[in-house]
């Protein structure tokens, strides 16, 4: 286990660490740390954006992508990215499924009960802000998913 030097951390960093520890403990009590396998396979012209799947995490107050290790097979004018990746309940996943000279097709998903629930577009800044707020603990799952929440959770509650 990594040693943390708590004395060197700022108050905000300690509070964020405390919040994340409490959230992790709660999820373990609830059995929310289930892992699911997902299949990813998309092709695109590599000059217009290579497809990818990545977990979105908050690091030092900024969003970062943790890319999944997927196979890339290059043809003459196309690349196909494919493979399985594992995500946990409640993870945020970003997928680039393609692109063109004018557009980049990147979407945000919330992992729930072994499904990827699409809730946003990575090229739409309000969806990015909503993701940041969720990962910081400012908003909850209901606010993240918006109209989709009742459709997904309404039948379970």
Protein backbone atom coordinates (compact mmCIF):
# COMPACT_ATOMS: atom_id res chain seq x y z
CA UNK A 1 0.00 0.00 0.00
CA UNK A 2 1.23 3.50 -0.81
CA UNK A 3 2.16 5.65 2.16
CA UNK A 4 0.43 9.01 2.29
CA UNK A 5 2.11 11.93 3.95
CA UNK A 6 -0.97 13.56 5.45
CA UNK A 7 1.02 16.42 6.96
CA UNK A 8 2.02 17.65 3.50
CA UNK A 9 -1.54 17.61 2.12
CA UNK A 10 -3.66 20.75 1.91
CA UNK A 11 -6.93 20.88 3.83
CA UNK A 12 -8.94 20.59 0.59
CA UNK A 13 -6.95 17.52 -0.43
CA UNK A 14 -7.58 15.90 2.97
CA UNK A 15 -11.30 16.63 2.73
CA UNK A 16 -11.43 15.14 -0.77
CA UNK A 17 -9.53 12.07 0.43
CA UNK A 18 -11.92 11.70 3.38
CA UNK A 19 -14.94 11.97 1.06
CA UNK A 20 -13.53 9.36 -1.31
CA UNK A 21 -12.70 6.98 1.55
CA UNK A 22 -16.22 7.31 2.99
CA UNK A 23 -17.73 6.75 -0.47
CA UNK A 24 -15.59 3.65 -1.02
CA UNK A 25 -16.48 2.22 2.40
CA UNK A 26 -20.18 2.82 1.74
CA UNK A 27 -20.00 1.16 -1.67
CA UNK A 28 -18.29 -1.88 -0.19
CA UNK A 29 -20.95 -2.16 2.51
CA UNK A 30 -23.64 -2.00 -0.18
CA UNK A 31 -21.84 -4.48 -2.43
CA UNK A 32 -21.52 -1.78 -5.10
CA UNK A 33 -18.00 -2.79 -6.08
CA UNK A 34 -19.23 -5.32 -8.64
CA UNK A 35 -17.17 -5.56 -11.79
CA UNK A 36 -18.55 -6.07 -15.27
CA UNK A 37 -16.97 -6.96 -18.61
CA UNK A 38 -17.84 -4.98 -21.71
CA UNK A 39 -16.96 -5.55 -25.36
CA UNK A 40 -15.70 -2.60 -27.42
CA UNK A 41 -15.28 -2.64 -31.21
CA UNK A 42 -15.27 0.41 -33.47
CA UNK A 43 -13.50 1.37 -36.68
CA UNK A 44 -12.54 4.75 -38.07
CA UNK A 45 -10.09 6.54 -40.33
CA UNK A 46 -7.14 7.11 -37.93
CA UNK A 47 -6.57 10.59 -39.38
CA UNK A 48 -10.01 11.53 -38.07
CA UNK A 49 -9.67 10.04 -34.58
CA UNK A 50 -8.77 6.60 -33.27
CA UNK A 51 -11.61 4.96 -31.30
CA UNK A 52 -11.04 4.34 -27.59
CA UNK A 53 -12.68 3.48 -24.29
CA UNK A 54 -11.47 5.06 -21.05
CA UNK A 55 -12.50 5.36 -17.44
CA UNK A 56 -12.96 9.00 -16.40
CA UNK A 57 -11.49 9.89 -13.00
CA UNK A 58 -10.82 13.07 -11.04
CA UNK A 59 -7.14 13.78 -10.35
CA UNK A 60 -6.13 17.01 -8.61
CA UNK A 61 -9.46 18.60 -9.50
CA UNK A 62 -9.21 17.74 -13.20
CA UNK A 63 -10.76 15.01 -15.31
CA UNK A 64 -8.35 12.38 -16.58
CA UNK A 65 -8.79 9.42 -18.88
CA UNK A 66 -7.49 6.01 -17.88
CA UNK A 67 -7.44 4.25 -21.25
CA UNK A 68 -8.30 0.57 -21.43
CA UNK A 69 -5.72 -1.63 -23.14
CA UNK A 70 -7.52 -2.60 -26.35
CA UNK A 71 -6.24 -4.13 -29.58
CA UNK A 72 -5.64 -1.80 -32.54
CA UNK A 73 -5.65 -3.37 -35.99
CA UNK A 74 -4.63 -1.04 -38.83
CA UNK A 75 -5.77 -1.50 -42.40
CA UNK A 76 -4.94 0.64 -45.40
CA UNK A 77 -7.16 3.58 -44.40
CA UNK A 78 -8.93 2.36 -41.27
CA UNK A 79 -8.16 1.27 -37.74
CA UNK A 80 -10.33 -1.09 -35.72
CA UNK A 81 -10.03 -0.96 -31.95
CA UNK A 82 -11.50 -3.93 -30.12
CA UNK A 83 -11.38 -5.93 -26.93
CA UNK A 84 -12.90 -6.42 -23.51
CA UNK A 85 -12.57 -4.02 -20.63
CA UNK A 86 -13.68 -4.22 -17.02
CA UNK A 87 -15.57 -1.46 -15.22
CA UNK A 88 -17.09 -1.27 -11.75
CA UNK A 89 -20.56 -0.29 -10.68
CA UNK A 90 -20.81 3.51 -10.71
CA UNK A 91 -17.78 4.11 -12.96
CA UNK A 92 -17.86 6.81 -15.62
CA UNK A 93 -16.72 5.58 -19.04
CA UNK A 94 -15.95 7.67 -22.11
CA UNK A 95 -16.00 6.09 -25.57
CA UNK A 96 -14.85 7.60 -28.83
CA UNK A 97 -16.60 5.57 -31.46
CA UNK A 98 -15.47 7.56 -34.46
CA UNK A 99 -14.98 10.95 -35.98
CA UNK A 100 -14.91 12.99 -39.12
CA UNK A 101 -13.16 16.17 -40.20
CA UNK A 102 -15.89 18.20 -38.47
CA UNK A 103 -17.15 15.95 -35.68
CA UNK A 104 -15.80 13.83 -32.85
CA UNK A 105 -18.18 11.14 -31.59
CA UNK A 106 -17.36 10.77 -27.89
CA UNK A 107 -19.98 9.76 -25.36
CA UNK A 108 -20.21 9.42 -21.57
CA UNK A 109 -21.64 6.38 -19.83
CA UNK A 110 -22.52 5.45 -16.26
CA UNK A 111 -22.02 1.79 -15.27
CA UNK A 112 -25.08 0.27 -13.60
CA UNK A 113 -26.10 -3.39 -13.21
CA UNK A 114 -23.77 -4.54 -15.97
CA UNK A 115 -25.00 -1.94 -18.45
CA UNK A 116 -23.43 1.18 -19.92
CA UNK A 117 -26.02 3.93 -19.57
CA UNK A 118 -25.33 6.80 -21.93
CA UNK A 119 -25.96 10.15 -20.27
CA UNK A 120 -23.89 12.67 -22.17
CA UNK A 121 -21.65 13.82 -24.97
CA UNK A 122 -17.96 14.55 -24.24
CA UNK A 123 -17.96 17.38 -26.77
CA UNK A 124 -20.81 19.20 -24.95
CA UNK A 125 -19.38 21.28 -22.12
CA UNK A 126 -22.47 21.09 -19.82
CA UNK A 127 -22.09 17.29 -19.79
CA UNK A 128 -18.39 17.63 -18.89
CA UNK A 129 -19.24 20.03 -16.04
CA UNK A 130 -21.93 17.62 -14.81
CA UNK A 131 -19.37 14.78 -14.84
CA UNK A 132 -16.89 16.86 -12.83
CA UNK A 133 -19.56 17.71 -10.27
CA UNK A 134 -20.51 14.04 -9.95
CA UNK A 135 -16.93 12.87 -9.47
CA UNK A 136 -16.36 15.63 -6.89
CA UNK A 137 -19.48 14.52 -5.01
CA UNK A 138 -21.34 17.79 -5.62
CA UNK A 139 -24.23 16.10 -7.44
CA UNK A 140 -25.65 12.60 -7.09
CA UNK A 141 -26.53 9.91 -9.61
CA UNK A 142 -30.03 11.31 -10.08
CA UNK A 143 -28.65 14.68 -11.17
CA UNK A 144 -26.01 13.04 -13.36
CA UNK A 145 -28.48 10.90 -15.28
CA UNK A 146 -31.28 13.47 -15.36
CA UNK A 147 -34.36 12.22 -17.21
CA UNK A 148 -32.88 8.73 -17.54
CA UNK A 149 -32.72 8.24 -13.74
CA UNK A 150 -36.39 7.34 -13.21
CA UNK A 151 -36.34 5.10 -16.27
CA UNK A 152 -33.37 3.18 -14.81
CA UNK A 153 -33.79 3.36 -11.04
CA UNK A 154 -37.55 3.93 -10.77
CA UNK A 155 -38.31 0.27 -11.26
CA UNK A 156 -35.68 -0.83 -8.70
CA UNK A 157 -36.62 1.42 -5.78
